[in-house]
Amino acid sequence: MKSLEISTATLQKLDEKHGVTRREVEQCFENIEGPLLTDDREEHQSDPPTLWILARTNRNRLLKVVYIQRGSKIYLRTCYEPNETELSIYRNAANG
């Protein structure tokens, strides 16, 4: 995915803290089926807005992908396995 930008520090955090690879992030974008949500919490507001999805890797691992999009470029903020609250928010938005 040429449009995906991941800083060295973020890649290191993904590996060490969450056990997530760049390829898994790419697969989530390739496999997206649900809605795209905006993180509207005050402490996470940005310009452009922070967006997030839940999607599965090719090995069926469910991940939350958090990013900012500027034009055709996607700047990854983080990616990890979602908690129950995030799953609930996403399910409610999908069934909306």
Protein backbone atom coordinates (compact mmCIF):
# COMPACT_ATOMS: atom_id res chain seq x y z
CA MET A 1 0.00 0.00 0.00
CA LYS A 2 1.97 2.95 -1.29
CA SER A 3 -0.32 5.55 0.29
CA LEU A 4 0.25 4.21 3.83
CA GLU A 5 2.80 6.18 5.88
CA ILE A 6 4.05 4.70 9.16
CA SER A 7 6.81 6.41 11.11
CA THR A 8 9.73 4.38 12.42
CA ALA A 9 8.63 5.11 16.01
CA THR A 10 5.08 3.92 15.29
CA LEU A 11 6.34 0.75 13.59
CA GLN A 12 8.50 0.02 16.62
CA LYS A 13 5.56 0.58 19.00
CA LEU A 14 3.30 -1.65 16.89
CA ASP A 15 5.85 -4.44 17.05
CA GLU A 16 6.89 -4.15 20.69
CA LYS A 17 3.60 -3.21 22.37
CA HIS A 18 0.91 -4.69 20.13
CA GLY A 19 2.63 -7.39 18.05
CA VAL A 20 1.24 -5.86 14.85
CA THR A 21 3.08 -5.78 11.51
CA ARG A 22 2.83 -3.32 8.65
CA ARG A 23 1.38 -6.09 6.48
CA GLU A 24 -1.40 -6.70 9.00
CA VAL A 25 -2.31 -3.00 8.88
CA GLU A 26 -2.38 -3.16 5.08
CA GLN A 27 -4.59 -6.25 5.18
CA CYS A 28 -7.07 -4.45 7.43
CA PHE A 29 -7.45 -1.71 4.82
CA GLU A 30 -7.82 -4.35 2.09
CA ASN A 31 -10.45 -6.26 4.10
CA ILE A 32 -12.52 -3.39 5.48
CA GLU A 33 -16.23 -4.15 5.62
CA GLY A 34 -17.64 -1.89 8.33
CA PRO A 35 -18.08 1.84 8.78
CA LEU A 36 -15.39 4.48 9.02
CA LEU A 37 -15.63 6.31 12.35
CA THR A 38 -14.28 9.66 13.51
CA ASP A 39 -12.64 9.90 16.93
CA ASP A 40 -14.46 12.92 18.33
CA ARG A 41 -13.03 12.76 21.85
CA GLU A 42 -11.59 16.16 22.71
CA GLU A 43 -8.11 14.85 23.54
CA HIS A 44 -7.91 13.09 20.16
CA GLN A 45 -9.21 15.85 17.92
CA SER A 46 -6.96 16.79 15.03
CA ASP A 47 -7.08 18.55 11.68
CA PRO A 48 -7.76 16.53 9.61
CA PRO A 49 -9.81 14.40 12.00
CA THR A 50 -8.58 11.12 13.45
CA LEU A 51 -10.39 8.19 11.82
CA TRP A 52 -10.67 4.56 12.84
CA ILE A 53 -11.93 1.22 11.62
CA LEU A 54 -12.15 -2.32 12.89
CA ALA A 55 -11.08 -4.87 10.30
CA ARG A 56 -9.63 -8.34 10.07
CA THR A 57 -6.27 -9.48 8.79
CA ASN A 58 -6.02 -12.37 6.36
CA ARG A 59 -5.53 -14.63 9.41
CA ASN A 60 -8.79 -13.35 10.91
CA ARG A 61 -7.12 -11.19 13.59
CA LEU A 62 -9.44 -8.29 14.46
CA LEU A 63 -7.60 -4.96 14.77
CA LYS A 64 -8.49 -1.34 15.42
CA VAL A 65 -6.69 0.88 12.90
CA VAL A 66 -6.38 4.56 13.86
CA TYR A 67 -5.16 7.05 11.26
CA ILE A 68 -5.31 10.47 9.68
CA GLN A 69 -5.86 10.95 5.97
CA ARG A 70 -4.47 13.90 4.01
CA GLY A 71 -5.38 13.69 0.35
CA SER A 72 -4.41 10.22 -0.86
CA LYS A 73 -1.93 9.66 2.00
CA ILE A 74 -2.85 7.66 5.10
CA TYR A 75 -0.79 8.41 8.23
CA LEU A 76 -1.09 5.60 10.75
CA ARG A 77 -1.39 6.66 14.39
CA THR A 78 -1.73 3.19 15.92
CA CYS A 79 -3.16 -0.29 15.45
CA TYR A 80 -4.05 -2.89 18.07
CA GLU A 81 -6.65 -5.45 19.13
CA PRO A 82 -9.81 -3.58 20.19
CA ASN A 83 -11.24 -3.68 23.70
CA GLU A 84 -14.89 -4.42 24.54
CA THR A 85 -15.86 -0.73 24.59
CA GLU A 86 -14.43 -0.17 21.11
CA LEU A 87 -16.16 -3.31 19.82
CA SER A 88 -19.47 -2.07 21.21
CA ILE A 89 -19.08 1.41 19.70
CA TYR A 90 -18.25 -0.10 16.31
CA ARG A 91 -21.12 -2.60 16.40
CA ASN A 92 -23.57 0.18 17.26
CA ALA A 93 -22.28 2.34 14.41
CA ALA A 94 -22.47 -0.57 11.96
CA ASN A 95 -26.06 -1.31 12.96
CA GLY A 96 -26.87 2.34 13.13
